[in-house]
Amino acid sequence: MPRYNTVLFDLDGTLTFSHTGIIASIQYALRKAGITPPPESELISYIGPSLLDSFQNHLGLSLEEAQTVLLYYREYFADKGMLQNELVPGILDVLESLQREALRLFIATAKPEPYAKIIADHFGLSRYILQVFGASFDESRSAKSLVIAYALNETATAPNQCVMVGDHAQDVLGAQANKIDCIAVAYGYGAADELRAANPIYLAQSPQDALRFILAK
């Protein structure tokens, strides 16, 4: 028997490479707000955590200013940005292998839930994912720990039977807050040193590496 029966997957940087659409949406939002966007190399670090937090932490915006920028971001993202995206190579094969082993597969993302559902459907992830859990538009559920708690509660999942798979330290820390293991993936958007410092149960170098760890007896 595999060591887990349930897997929660992060979306951006874990199942899809979404930077093209996210960066374009951020650039649009900042320009509309009269702010010169930082270089694209800096904007990569905005991907994964709550954007409301990223706008405050990276740009020094007030909460009110960040909320305005977030509304502008969603204008572009809903129209174009969400599908300026691509699957992580090999990820569908990994999901199919896990499904074949009768594991329950879910998405747990800091992206607003309606957007995440559209992306999952568009890219064929919904063939394997039983349900998508994401952030709320009002930002009351944006921290990864809250999204994971929501997913565990809605699916009646025992923490010792579940693992989170994600590419950011927030995924690891959010999982730990809910007393579940987390596999960090090194191929996503999170910095390797931050991932190691968060102390995941395993640091996978590829989707196939994560699969081997999950299915290990």
N, C-alpha and C. Protein backbone atom coordinates (compact mmCIF):
# COMPACT_ATOMS: atom_id res chain seq x y z
N MET A 1 0.84 -1.20 0.00
CA MET A 1 0.00 0.00 0.00
C MET A 1 0.88 1.26 0.00
N PRO A 2 0.50 2.29 -0.81
CA PRO A 2 1.23 3.56 -0.73
C PRO A 2 1.13 4.16 0.67
N ARG A 3 2.06 5.05 1.00
CA ARG A 3 2.08 5.61 2.35
C ARG A 3 0.97 6.63 2.58
N TYR A 4 0.32 7.11 1.52
CA TYR A 4 -0.77 8.07 1.65
C TYR A 4 -1.97 7.58 0.83
N ASN A 5 -3.16 8.07 1.17
CA ASN A 5 -4.31 7.80 0.31
C ASN A 5 -4.86 9.07 -0.33
N THR A 6 -4.33 10.23 0.07
CA THR A 6 -4.81 11.51 -0.44
C THR A 6 -3.63 12.43 -0.73
N VAL A 7 -3.69 13.11 -1.87
CA VAL A 7 -2.64 14.05 -2.25
C VAL A 7 -3.28 15.39 -2.59
N LEU A 8 -2.79 16.44 -1.94
CA LEU A 8 -3.18 17.81 -2.27
C LEU A 8 -2.07 18.43 -3.12
N PHE A 9 -2.41 18.90 -4.28
CA PHE A 9 -1.43 19.53 -5.17
C PHE A 9 -1.62 21.04 -5.21
N ASP A 10 -0.53 21.76 -5.04
CA ASP A 10 -0.50 23.17 -5.40
C ASP A 10 -0.69 23.25 -6.91
N LEU A 11 -1.04 24.43 -7.41
CA LEU A 11 -1.27 24.58 -8.85
C LEU A 11 -0.09 25.25 -9.54
N ASP A 12 0.13 26.55 -9.27
CA ASP A 12 1.20 27.28 -9.96
C ASP A 12 2.57 26.75 -9.56
N GLY A 13 3.35 26.34 -10.56
CA GLY A 13 4.70 25.86 -10.30
C GLY A 13 4.77 24.40 -9.89
N THR A 14 3.62 23.77 -9.71
CA THR A 14 3.58 22.36 -9.33
C THR A 14 2.89 21.53 -10.40
N LEU A 15 1.71 21.98 -10.83
CA LEU A 15 1.00 21.33 -11.93
C LEU A 15 1.13 22.09 -13.24
N THR A 16 1.22 23.42 -13.14
CA THR A 16 1.37 24.24 -14.35
C THR A 16 2.48 25.27 -14.17
N PHE A 17 3.04 25.69 -15.30
CA PHE A 17 3.96 26.82 -15.32
C PHE A 17 3.16 28.03 -15.79
N SER A 18 2.82 28.89 -14.87
CA SER A 18 1.83 29.94 -15.09
C SER A 18 2.44 31.33 -15.15
N HIS A 19 3.77 31.43 -15.18
CA HIS A 19 4.41 32.74 -15.01
C HIS A 19 4.07 33.73 -16.12
N THR A 20 3.89 33.25 -17.34
CA THR A 20 3.63 34.18 -18.45
C THR A 20 2.37 35.01 -18.18
N GLY A 21 1.28 34.33 -17.82
CA GLY A 21 0.03 35.02 -17.59
C GLY A 21 0.01 35.83 -16.31
N ILE A 22 0.64 35.31 -15.27
CA ILE A 22 0.66 36.03 -14.00
C ILE A 22 1.49 37.30 -14.11
N ILE A 23 2.65 37.19 -14.71
CA ILE A 23 3.51 38.38 -14.86
C ILE A 23 2.83 39.43 -15.74
N ALA A 24 2.21 39.00 -16.84
CA ALA A 24 1.51 39.96 -17.70
C ALA A 24 0.37 40.64 -16.94
N SER A 25 -0.31 39.89 -16.09
CA SER A 25 -1.41 40.46 -15.30
C SER A 25 -0.89 41.45 -14.27
N ILE A 26 0.23 41.13 -13.62
CA ILE A 26 0.82 42.05 -12.65
C ILE A 26 1.29 43.33 -13.34
N GLN A 27 1.95 43.19 -14.48
CA GLN A 27 2.43 44.36 -15.20
C GLN A 27 1.26 45.27 -15.60
N TYR A 28 0.19 44.68 -16.09
CA TYR A 28 -1.00 45.45 -16.44
C TYR A 28 -1.54 46.19 -15.23
N ALA A 29 -1.66 45.48 -14.10
CA ALA A 29 -2.23 46.07 -12.89
C ALA A 29 -1.38 47.22 -12.36
N LEU A 30 -0.07 47.03 -12.32
CA LEU A 30 0.80 48.07 -11.79
C LEU A 30 0.79 49.30 -12.68
N ARG A 31 0.84 49.09 -13.98
CA ARG A 31 0.80 50.24 -14.89
C ARG A 31 -0.51 51.01 -14.76
N LYS A 32 -1.63 50.29 -14.61
CA LYS A 32 -2.92 50.95 -14.45
C LYS A 32 -2.96 51.75 -13.14
N ALA A 33 -2.22 51.27 -12.13
CA ALA A 33 -2.16 51.96 -10.85
C ALA A 33 -1.10 53.06 -10.83
N GLY A 34 -0.40 53.25 -11.95
CA GLY A 34 0.62 54.29 -12.03
C GLY A 34 1.94 53.90 -11.41
N ILE A 35 2.20 52.61 -11.32
CA ILE A 35 3.43 52.09 -10.72
C ILE A 35 4.27 51.42 -11.81
N THR A 36 5.55 51.74 -11.88
CA THR A 36 6.43 51.09 -12.84
C THR A 36 6.70 49.65 -12.39
N PRO A 37 6.38 48.65 -13.20
CA PRO A 37 6.59 47.26 -12.78
C PRO A 37 8.07 46.95 -12.59
N PRO A 38 8.42 46.16 -11.58
CA PRO A 38 9.80 45.68 -11.45
C PRO A 38 10.15 44.77 -12.62
N PRO A 39 11.42 44.44 -12.78
CA PRO A 39 11.81 43.51 -13.84
C PRO A 39 11.11 42.15 -13.69
N GLU A 40 10.94 41.46 -14.82
CA GLU A 40 10.26 40.16 -14.79
C GLU A 40 10.97 39.18 -13.85
N SER A 41 12.28 39.27 -13.76
CA SER A 41 13.02 38.36 -12.88
C SER A 41 12.60 38.52 -11.43
N GLU A 42 12.21 39.73 -11.04
CA GLU A 42 11.73 39.96 -9.68
C GLU A 42 10.28 39.52 -9.51
N LEU A 43 9.48 39.66 -10.55
CA LEU A 43 8.06 39.32 -10.46
C LEU A 43 7.83 37.82 -10.29
N ILE A 44 8.81 37.00 -10.66
CA ILE A 44 8.68 35.55 -10.46
C ILE A 44 8.41 35.23 -9.00
N SER A 45 9.01 36.00 -8.09
CA SER A 45 8.86 35.71 -6.66
C SER A 45 7.46 36.03 -6.15
N TYR A 46 6.64 36.70 -6.96
CA TYR A 46 5.26 36.98 -6.56
C TYR A 46 4.37 35.76 -6.73
N ILE A 47 4.83 34.79 -7.49
CA ILE A 47 4.00 33.63 -7.86
C ILE A 47 4.00 32.62 -6.73
N GLY A 48 2.82 32.23 -6.32
CA GLY A 48 2.69 31.22 -5.26
C GLY A 48 2.00 31.76 -4.04
N PRO A 49 2.62 32.71 -3.32
CA PRO A 49 1.94 33.30 -2.15
C PRO A 49 0.73 34.13 -2.56
N SER A 50 -0.05 34.57 -1.59
CA SER A 50 -1.15 35.49 -1.84
C SER A 50 -0.62 36.76 -2.51
N LEU A 51 -1.24 37.15 -3.62
CA LEU A 51 -0.79 38.36 -4.30
C LEU A 51 -1.03 39.60 -3.46
N LEU A 52 -2.06 39.59 -2.65
CA LEU A 52 -2.29 40.73 -1.76
C LEU A 52 -1.09 40.93 -0.84
N ASP A 53 -0.55 39.82 -0.32
CA ASP A 53 0.64 39.90 0.51
C ASP A 53 1.86 40.32 -0.31
N SER A 54 1.99 39.76 -1.51
CA SER A 54 3.15 40.08 -2.35
C SER A 54 3.19 41.56 -2.71
N PHE A 55 2.04 42.14 -3.03
CA PHE A 55 2.01 43.56 -3.39
C PHE A 55 2.43 44.44 -2.20
N GLN A 56 2.06 44.03 -1.01
CA GLN A 56 2.46 44.79 0.18
C GLN A 56 3.93 44.55 0.52
N ASN A 57 4.34 43.28 0.52
CA ASN A 57 5.69 42.94 0.96
C ASN A 57 6.77 43.38 -0.02
N HIS A 58 6.51 43.25 -1.30
CA HIS A 58 7.54 43.57 -2.30
C HIS A 58 7.51 45.05 -2.72
N LEU A 59 6.34 45.65 -2.72
CA LEU A 59 6.21 47.01 -3.25
C LEU A 59 5.98 48.06 -2.17
N GLY A 60 5.76 47.61 -0.94
CA GLY A 60 5.53 48.55 0.15
C GLY A 60 4.18 49.24 0.08
N LEU A 61 3.20 48.61 -0.58
CA LEU A 61 1.89 49.22 -0.69
C LEU A 61 1.10 49.04 0.60
N SER A 62 0.20 49.96 0.85
CA SER A 62 -0.74 49.78 1.96
C SER A 62 -1.74 48.70 1.58
N LEU A 63 -2.50 48.22 2.55
CA LEU A 63 -3.52 47.22 2.27
C LEU A 63 -4.52 47.74 1.25
N GLU A 64 -4.94 48.97 1.41
CA GLU A 64 -5.92 49.54 0.48
C GLU A 64 -5.35 49.65 -0.93
N GLU A 65 -4.11 50.09 -1.04
CA GLU A 65 -3.47 50.19 -2.36
C GLU A 65 -3.31 48.80 -2.99
N ALA A 66 -2.91 47.82 -2.17
CA ALA A 66 -2.74 46.46 -2.68
C ALA A 66 -4.06 45.88 -3.16
N GLN A 67 -5.13 46.17 -2.47
CA GLN A 67 -6.46 45.69 -2.87
C GLN A 67 -6.86 46.27 -4.22
N THR A 68 -6.54 47.54 -4.43
CA THR A 68 -6.84 48.17 -5.72
C THR A 68 -6.04 47.51 -6.84
N VAL A 69 -4.74 47.29 -6.61
CA VAL A 69 -3.90 46.64 -7.61
C VAL A 69 -4.40 45.24 -7.88
N LEU A 70 -4.86 44.54 -6.87
CA LEU A 70 -5.37 43.18 -7.05
C LEU A 70 -6.62 43.18 -7.94
N LEU A 71 -7.48 44.16 -7.77
CA LEU A 71 -8.65 44.26 -8.64
C LEU A 71 -8.24 44.48 -10.09
N TYR A 72 -7.23 45.32 -10.33
CA TYR A 72 -6.72 45.54 -11.68
C TYR A 72 -6.11 44.25 -12.23
N TYR A 73 -5.37 43.55 -11.38
CA TYR A 73 -4.76 42.28 -11.78
C TYR A 73 -5.83 41.31 -12.29
N ARG A 74 -6.92 41.24 -11.57
CA ARG A 74 -7.98 40.28 -11.94
C ARG A 74 -8.66 40.64 -13.24
N GLU A 75 -8.66 41.91 -13.62
CA GLU A 75 -9.22 42.33 -14.91
C GLU A 75 -8.50 41.61 -16.05
N TYR A 76 -7.18 41.71 -16.03
CA TYR A 76 -6.40 41.09 -17.11
C TYR A 76 -6.38 39.57 -16.97
N PHE A 77 -6.23 39.09 -15.73
CA PHE A 77 -6.09 37.65 -15.52
C PHE A 77 -7.35 36.91 -15.97
N ALA A 78 -8.53 37.43 -15.63
CA ALA A 78 -9.78 36.77 -16.00
C ALA A 78 -9.99 36.79 -17.51
N ASP A 79 -9.51 37.85 -18.17
CA ASP A 79 -9.72 37.99 -19.61
C ASP A 79 -8.70 37.19 -20.42
N LYS A 80 -7.43 37.22 -20.01
CA LYS A 80 -6.37 36.60 -20.81
C LYS A 80 -5.38 35.78 -20.00
N GLY A 81 -5.00 36.30 -18.84
CA GLY A 81 -3.83 35.77 -18.15
C GLY A 81 -3.94 34.34 -17.67
N MET A 82 -5.13 33.92 -17.25
CA MET A 82 -5.22 32.59 -16.62
C MET A 82 -4.88 31.46 -17.59
N LEU A 83 -5.10 31.67 -18.88
CA LEU A 83 -4.80 30.62 -19.85
C LEU A 83 -3.48 30.85 -20.58
N GLN A 84 -2.74 31.89 -20.20
CA GLN A 84 -1.36 32.05 -20.68
C GLN A 84 -0.49 31.20 -19.74
N ASN A 85 -0.53 29.93 -19.94
CA ASN A 85 -0.16 28.94 -18.94
C ASN A 85 0.16 27.64 -19.68
N GLU A 86 0.90 26.75 -19.06
CA GLU A 86 1.15 25.44 -19.69
C GLU A 86 1.39 24.39 -18.61
N LEU A 87 1.09 23.16 -18.95
CA LEU A 87 1.29 22.06 -18.02
C LEU A 87 2.76 21.81 -17.77
N VAL A 88 3.10 21.43 -16.54
CA VAL A 88 4.45 20.94 -16.25
C VAL A 88 4.64 19.66 -17.05
N PRO A 89 5.72 19.53 -17.82
CA PRO A 89 5.93 18.32 -18.61
C PRO A 89 5.88 17.05 -17.76
N GLY A 90 5.10 16.08 -18.22
CA GLY A 90 5.00 14.79 -17.53
C GLY A 90 4.00 14.74 -16.40
N ILE A 91 3.35 15.87 -16.07
CA ILE A 91 2.51 15.87 -14.88
C ILE A 91 1.24 15.05 -15.06
N LEU A 92 0.69 15.00 -16.27
CA LEU A 92 -0.52 14.19 -16.47
C LEU A 92 -0.22 12.71 -16.29
N ASP A 93 0.95 12.27 -16.71
CA ASP A 93 1.34 10.87 -16.50
C ASP A 93 1.43 10.56 -15.01
N VAL A 94 1.95 11.50 -14.25
CA VAL A 94 2.05 11.32 -12.79
C VAL A 94 0.67 11.22 -12.17
N LEU A 95 -0.23 12.11 -12.56
CA LEU A 95 -1.59 12.08 -12.01
C LEU A 95 -2.30 10.78 -12.40
N GLU A 96 -2.10 10.34 -13.62
CA GLU A 96 -2.71 9.08 -14.06
C GLU A 96 -2.20 7.90 -13.25
N SER A 97 -0.90 7.89 -12.96
CA SER A 97 -0.32 6.81 -12.16
C SER A 97 -0.89 6.80 -10.75
N LEU A 98 -1.04 7.98 -10.17
CA LEU A 98 -1.61 8.07 -8.82
C LEU A 98 -3.08 7.66 -8.82
N GLN A 99 -3.81 8.08 -9.83
CA GLN A 99 -5.22 7.69 -9.95
C GLN A 99 -5.35 6.18 -10.09
N ARG A 100 -4.46 5.57 -10.85
CA ARG A 100 -4.49 4.12 -11.04
C ARG A 100 -4.27 3.37 -9.73
N GLU A 101 -3.55 4.01 -8.81
CA GLU A 101 -3.31 3.40 -7.49
C GLU A 101 -4.43 3.74 -6.50
N ALA A 102 -5.51 4.35 -7.01
CA ALA A 102 -6.71 4.67 -6.22
C ALA A 102 -6.47 5.74 -5.16
N LEU A 103 -5.47 6.60 -5.36
CA LEU A 103 -5.30 7.73 -4.46
C LEU A 103 -6.30 8.82 -4.81
N ARG A 104 -6.74 9.54 -3.78
CA ARG A 104 -7.62 10.69 -3.99
C ARG A 104 -6.75 11.91 -4.25
N LEU A 105 -7.05 12.62 -5.34
CA LEU A 105 -6.22 13.74 -5.76
C LEU A 105 -7.05 15.02 -5.75
N PHE A 106 -6.49 16.06 -5.11
CA PHE A 106 -7.16 17.36 -5.02
C PHE A 106 -6.17 18.47 -5.32
N ILE A 107 -6.67 19.63 -5.70
CA ILE A 107 -5.86 20.84 -5.80
C ILE A 107 -6.14 21.71 -4.59
N ALA A 108 -5.08 22.25 -3.99
CA ALA A 108 -5.19 23.21 -2.90
C ALA A 108 -4.27 24.38 -3.25
N THR A 109 -4.84 25.49 -3.65
CA THR A 109 -4.07 26.60 -4.20
C THR A 109 -4.48 27.93 -3.58
N ALA A 110 -3.53 28.85 -3.53
CA ALA A 110 -3.82 30.21 -3.07
C ALA A 110 -4.46 31.06 -4.17
N LYS A 111 -4.60 30.49 -5.36
CA LYS A 111 -5.32 31.17 -6.44
C LYS A 111 -6.83 31.13 -6.14
N PRO A 112 -7.59 32.17 -6.47
CA PRO A 112 -9.03 32.10 -6.25
C PRO A 112 -9.64 30.85 -6.87
N GLU A 113 -10.52 30.23 -6.13
CA GLU A 113 -11.05 28.92 -6.51
C GLU A 113 -11.72 28.90 -7.89
N PRO A 114 -12.54 29.90 -8.26
CA PRO A 114 -13.14 29.85 -9.60
C PRO A 114 -12.10 29.85 -10.73
N TYR A 115 -11.03 30.62 -10.57
CA TYR A 115 -9.97 30.62 -11.58
C TYR A 115 -9.30 29.25 -11.66
N ALA A 116 -9.00 28.69 -10.49
CA ALA A 116 -8.31 27.40 -10.46
C ALA A 116 -9.15 26.31 -11.12
N LYS A 117 -10.46 26.37 -10.95
CA LYS A 117 -11.34 25.37 -11.58
C LYS A 117 -11.32 25.51 -13.10
N ILE A 118 -11.33 26.73 -13.60
CA ILE A 118 -11.27 26.95 -15.05
C ILE A 118 -9.97 26.40 -15.61
N ILE A 119 -8.86 26.67 -14.93
CA ILE A 119 -7.55 26.20 -15.39
C ILE A 119 -7.50 24.67 -15.37
N ALA A 120 -8.00 24.06 -14.29
CA ALA A 120 -8.00 22.60 -14.19
C ALA A 120 -8.80 21.97 -15.32
N ASP A 121 -9.94 22.55 -15.64
CA ASP A 121 -10.76 22.02 -16.73
C ASP A 121 -10.08 22.21 -18.08
N HIS A 122 -9.54 23.40 -18.30
CA HIS A 122 -8.95 23.73 -19.61
C HIS A 122 -7.75 22.85 -19.94
N PHE A 123 -6.93 22.56 -18.94
CA PHE A 123 -5.70 21.81 -19.19
C PHE A 123 -5.83 20.29 -18.93
N GLY A 124 -7.04 19.82 -18.72
CA GLY A 124 -7.25 18.39 -18.58
C GLY A 124 -6.92 17.82 -17.22
N LEU A 125 -6.65 18.67 -16.25
CA LEU A 125 -6.34 18.20 -14.91
C LEU A 125 -7.57 17.59 -14.23
N SER A 126 -8.74 18.05 -14.62
CA SER A 126 -9.98 17.59 -13.96
C SER A 126 -10.29 16.12 -14.24
N ARG A 127 -9.61 15.53 -15.19
CA ARG A 127 -9.78 14.07 -15.41
C ARG A 127 -9.24 13.28 -14.22
N TYR A 128 -8.34 13.89 -13.48
CA TYR A 128 -7.68 13.18 -12.38
C TYR A 128 -7.99 13.80 -11.01
N ILE A 129 -8.26 15.09 -11.00
CA ILE A 129 -8.48 15.82 -9.76
C ILE A 129 -9.96 15.73 -9.36
N LEU A 130 -10.21 15.26 -8.15
CA LEU A 130 -11.58 15.09 -7.69
C LEU A 130 -12.26 16.42 -7.37
N GLN A 131 -11.50 17.37 -6.83
CA GLN A 131 -12.08 18.66 -6.45
C GLN A 131 -10.97 19.70 -6.33
N VAL A 132 -11.32 20.94 -6.60
CA VAL A 132 -10.38 22.05 -6.51
C VAL A 132 -10.74 22.91 -5.31
N PHE A 133 -9.74 23.18 -4.46
CA PHE A 133 -9.92 24.06 -3.31
C PHE A 133 -8.96 25.23 -3.46
N GLY A 134 -9.52 26.44 -3.35
CA GLY A 134 -8.68 27.61 -3.54
C GLY A 134 -9.04 28.73 -2.59
N ALA A 135 -8.43 29.86 -2.84
CA ALA A 135 -8.67 31.05 -2.03
C ALA A 135 -10.04 31.63 -2.37
N SER A 136 -10.56 32.44 -1.45
CA SER A 136 -11.80 33.16 -1.69
C SER A 136 -11.48 34.53 -2.28
N PHE A 137 -12.39 35.08 -3.07
CA PHE A 137 -12.15 36.37 -3.69
C PHE A 137 -12.02 37.49 -2.67
N ASP A 138 -12.66 37.35 -1.51
CA ASP A 138 -12.58 38.42 -0.51
C ASP A 138 -11.32 38.33 0.34
N GLU A 139 -10.42 37.38 0.02
CA GLU A 139 -9.13 37.21 0.69
C GLU A 139 -9.26 36.73 2.13
N SER A 140 -10.47 36.35 2.58
CA SER A 140 -10.60 35.81 3.94
C SER A 140 -9.98 34.42 4.03
N ARG A 141 -9.86 33.74 2.91
CA ARG A 141 -9.17 32.46 2.85
C ARG A 141 -8.12 32.56 1.74
N SER A 142 -6.95 33.10 2.13
CA SER A 142 -5.87 33.25 1.15
C SER A 142 -4.59 32.58 1.60
N ALA A 143 -4.34 32.54 2.91
CA ALA A 143 -3.14 31.86 3.42
C ALA A 143 -3.21 30.38 3.09
N LYS A 144 -2.08 29.80 2.75
CA LYS A 144 -2.07 28.39 2.34
C LYS A 144 -2.54 27.48 3.47
N SER A 145 -2.23 27.81 4.70
CA SER A 145 -2.69 26.99 5.82
C SER A 145 -4.21 26.93 5.88
N LEU A 146 -4.88 28.04 5.56
CA LEU A 146 -6.34 28.07 5.58
C LEU A 146 -6.93 27.28 4.41
N VAL A 147 -6.28 27.37 3.24
CA VAL A 147 -6.76 26.60 2.09
C VAL A 147 -6.63 25.10 2.36
N ILE A 148 -5.52 24.70 2.95
CA ILE A 148 -5.31 23.28 3.26
C ILE A 148 -6.32 22.81 4.31
N ALA A 149 -6.54 23.62 5.33
CA ALA A 149 -7.53 23.26 6.35
C ALA A 149 -8.91 23.09 5.73
N TYR A 150 -9.26 23.98 4.84
CA TYR A 150 -10.53 23.91 4.11
C TYR A 150 -10.63 22.61 3.32
N ALA A 151 -9.57 22.26 2.60
CA ALA A 151 -9.57 21.02 1.82
C ALA A 151 -9.70 19.79 2.70
N LEU A 152 -8.96 19.76 3.79
CA LEU A 152 -9.03 18.61 4.70
C LEU A 152 -10.42 18.46 5.30
N ASN A 153 -11.01 19.58 5.67
CA ASN A 153 -12.34 19.54 6.27
C ASN A 153 -13.40 19.09 5.27
N GLU A 154 -13.35 19.64 4.07
CA GLU A 154 -14.36 19.32 3.05
C GLU A 154 -14.27 17.87 2.58
N THR A 155 -13.08 17.30 2.64
CA THR A 155 -12.89 15.93 2.15
C THR A 155 -12.80 14.90 3.27
N ALA A 156 -12.97 15.36 4.51
CA ALA A 156 -12.91 14.47 5.68
C ALA A 156 -11.65 13.60 5.65
N THR A 157 -10.52 14.26 5.42
CA THR A 157 -9.24 13.56 5.27
C THR A 157 -8.48 13.52 6.59
N ALA A 158 -8.01 12.35 6.95
CA ALA A 158 -7.17 12.20 8.14
C ALA A 158 -5.77 12.74 7.83
N PRO A 159 -5.23 13.62 8.66
CA PRO A 159 -3.93 14.22 8.36
C PRO A 159 -2.81 13.19 8.12
N ASN A 160 -2.83 12.08 8.83
CA ASN A 160 -1.74 11.11 8.67
C ASN A 160 -1.84 10.31 7.37
N GLN A 161 -2.91 10.50 6.60
CA GLN A 161 -3.08 9.82 5.33
C GLN A 161 -2.91 10.75 4.14
N CYS A 162 -2.48 11.98 4.42
CA CYS A 162 -2.48 13.01 3.38
C CYS A 162 -1.11 13.64 3.22
N VAL A 163 -0.78 14.02 1.99
CA VAL A 163 0.46 14.75 1.73
C VAL A 163 0.16 15.92 0.81
N MET A 164 0.81 17.04 1.07
CA MET A 164 0.75 18.22 0.20
C MET A 164 1.96 18.19 -0.73
N VAL A 165 1.75 18.58 -1.98
CA VAL A 165 2.86 18.70 -2.94
C VAL A 165 2.87 20.13 -3.44
N GLY A 166 3.96 20.85 -3.20
CA GLY A 166 4.00 22.25 -3.61
C GLY A 166 5.41 22.76 -3.81
N ASP A 167 5.52 23.93 -4.41
CA ASP A 167 6.83 24.45 -4.79
C ASP A 167 7.29 25.64 -3.96
N HIS A 168 6.54 26.01 -2.93
CA HIS A 168 6.91 27.17 -2.12
C HIS A 168 7.00 26.79 -0.64
N ALA A 169 7.80 27.56 0.08
CA ALA A 169 7.87 27.34 1.53
C ALA A 169 6.50 27.47 2.18
N GLN A 170 5.64 28.32 1.62
CA GLN A 170 4.30 28.47 2.17
C GLN A 170 3.50 27.17 2.10
N ASP A 171 3.77 26.36 1.08
CA ASP A 171 3.11 25.06 0.99
C ASP A 171 3.56 24.15 2.13
N VAL A 172 4.85 24.16 2.39
CA VAL A 172 5.41 23.33 3.46
C VAL A 172 4.89 23.78 4.82
N LEU A 173 4.97 25.08 5.05
CA LEU A 173 4.54 25.61 6.35
C LEU A 173 3.04 25.46 6.55
N GLY A 174 2.28 25.63 5.47
CA GLY A 174 0.84 25.44 5.56
C GLY A 174 0.46 24.01 5.86
N ALA A 175 1.20 23.08 5.27
CA ALA A 175 0.97 21.67 5.55
C ALA A 175 1.32 21.35 7.00
N GLN A 176 2.45 21.84 7.45
CA GLN A 176 2.87 21.59 8.83
C GLN A 176 1.86 22.15 9.83
N ALA A 177 1.27 23.30 9.52
CA ALA A 177 0.26 23.89 10.41
C ALA A 177 -0.96 23.01 10.55
N ASN A 178 -1.19 22.17 9.51
CA ASN A 178 -2.32 21.25 9.53
C ASN A 178 -1.91 19.81 9.84
N LYS A 179 -0.63 19.65 10.27
CA LYS A 179 -0.12 18.35 10.70
C LYS A 179 -0.14 17.30 9.58
N ILE A 180 0.15 17.76 8.36
CA ILE A 180 0.32 16.82 7.25
C ILE A 180 1.71 16.97 6.66
N ASP A 181 2.20 15.92 6.01
CA ASP A 181 3.49 15.95 5.35
C ASP A 181 3.42 16.84 4.11
N CYS A 182 4.59 17.32 3.68
CA CYS A 182 4.67 18.08 2.44
C CYS A 182 5.90 17.66 1.65
N ILE A 183 5.67 17.34 0.39
CA ILE A 183 6.75 17.13 -0.57
C ILE A 183 6.97 18.45 -1.30
N ALA A 184 8.14 19.02 -1.18
CA ALA A 184 8.47 20.24 -1.92
C ALA A 184 9.06 19.84 -3.27
N VAL A 185 8.70 20.58 -4.31
CA VAL A 185 9.24 20.28 -5.64
C VAL A 185 10.22 21.38 -6.05
N ALA A 186 11.37 20.95 -6.52
CA ALA A 186 12.45 21.89 -6.83
C ALA A 186 12.32 22.49 -8.23
N TYR A 187 11.36 22.00 -9.03
CA TYR A 187 11.26 22.48 -10.41
C TYR A 187 10.33 23.68 -10.56
N GLY A 188 9.73 24.15 -9.46
CA GLY A 188 8.77 25.24 -9.53
C GLY A 188 9.38 26.61 -9.30
N TYR A 189 8.60 27.50 -8.65
CA TYR A 189 9.00 28.89 -8.51
C TYR A 189 9.64 29.21 -7.16
N GLY A 190 9.62 28.31 -6.21
CA GLY A 190 10.19 28.57 -4.91
C GLY A 190 11.71 28.47 -4.91
N ALA A 191 12.35 29.26 -4.08
CA ALA A 191 13.82 29.22 -3.96
C ALA A 191 14.23 27.96 -3.20
N ALA A 192 15.25 27.28 -3.68
CA ALA A 192 15.67 26.00 -3.10
C ALA A 192 16.07 26.13 -1.64
N ASP A 193 16.76 27.22 -1.29
CA ASP A 193 17.20 27.36 0.10
C ASP A 193 16.01 27.58 1.03
N GLU A 194 14.99 28.30 0.56
CA GLU A 194 13.80 28.51 1.38
C GLU A 194 13.01 27.21 1.54
N LEU A 195 12.97 26.42 0.49
CA LEU A 195 12.29 25.11 0.58
C LEU A 195 12.98 24.22 1.60
N ARG A 196 14.29 24.15 1.53
CA ARG A 196 15.03 23.28 2.48
C ARG A 196 14.86 23.79 3.91
N ALA A 197 14.89 25.11 4.08
CA ALA A 197 14.76 25.68 5.42
C ALA A 197 13.40 25.39 6.04
N ALA A 198 12.38 25.23 5.20
CA ALA A 198 11.03 24.93 5.70
C ALA A 198 10.90 23.48 6.16
N ASN A 199 11.86 22.65 5.78
CA ASN A 199 11.93 21.25 6.25
C ASN A 199 10.79 20.38 5.75
N PRO A 200 10.66 20.24 4.43
CA PRO A 200 9.66 19.32 3.89
C PRO A 200 10.04 17.87 4.19
N ILE A 201 9.09 16.98 4.03
CA ILE A 201 9.36 15.55 4.25
C ILE A 201 10.29 15.02 3.15
N TYR A 202 10.24 15.68 1.97
CA TYR A 202 11.07 15.26 0.84
C TYR A 202 11.17 16.42 -0.14
N LEU A 203 12.31 16.55 -0.80
CA LEU A 203 12.50 17.55 -1.85
C LEU A 203 12.64 16.82 -3.18
N ALA A 204 11.60 16.88 -4.00
CA ALA A 204 11.58 16.16 -5.27
C ALA A 204 12.18 17.02 -6.38
N GLN A 205 12.96 16.40 -7.22
CA GLN A 205 13.61 17.12 -8.31
C GLN A 205 12.75 17.17 -9.58
N SER A 206 11.73 16.33 -9.65
CA SER A 206 10.88 16.25 -10.84
C SER A 206 9.53 15.69 -10.43
N PRO A 207 8.51 15.82 -11.29
CA PRO A 207 7.23 15.19 -10.98
C PRO A 207 7.35 13.67 -10.76
N GLN A 208 8.20 13.04 -11.55
CA GLN A 208 8.38 11.60 -11.43
C GLN A 208 9.05 11.23 -10.10
N ASP A 209 9.93 12.07 -9.63
CA ASP A 209 10.58 11.87 -8.34
C ASP A 209 9.55 11.95 -7.22
N ALA A 210 8.64 12.91 -7.30
CA ALA A 210 7.56 13.03 -6.31
C ALA A 210 6.67 11.79 -6.34
N LEU A 211 6.37 11.32 -7.55
CA LEU A 211 5.55 10.11 -7.69
C LEU A 211 6.18 8.92 -7.00
N ARG A 212 7.48 8.73 -7.20
CA ARG A 212 8.16 7.59 -6.59
C ARG A 212 8.07 7.66 -5.06
N PHE A 213 8.22 8.85 -4.52
CA PHE A 213 8.16 8.98 -3.06
C PHE A 213 6.75 8.69 -2.55
N ILE A 214 5.74 9.19 -3.23
CA ILE A 214 4.36 8.98 -2.78
C ILE A 214 3.99 7.50 -2.81
N LEU A 215 4.45 6.80 -3.84
CA LEU A 215 4.06 5.40 -4.00
C LEU A 215 4.96 4.43 -3.29
N ALA A 216 6.03 4.93 -2.67
CA ALA A 216 6.94 4.03 -1.94
C ALA A 216 6.19 3.32 -0.82
N LYS A 217 6.44 2.06 -0.70
CA LYS A 217 5.73 1.25 0.33
C LYS A 217 6.34 1.49 1.70
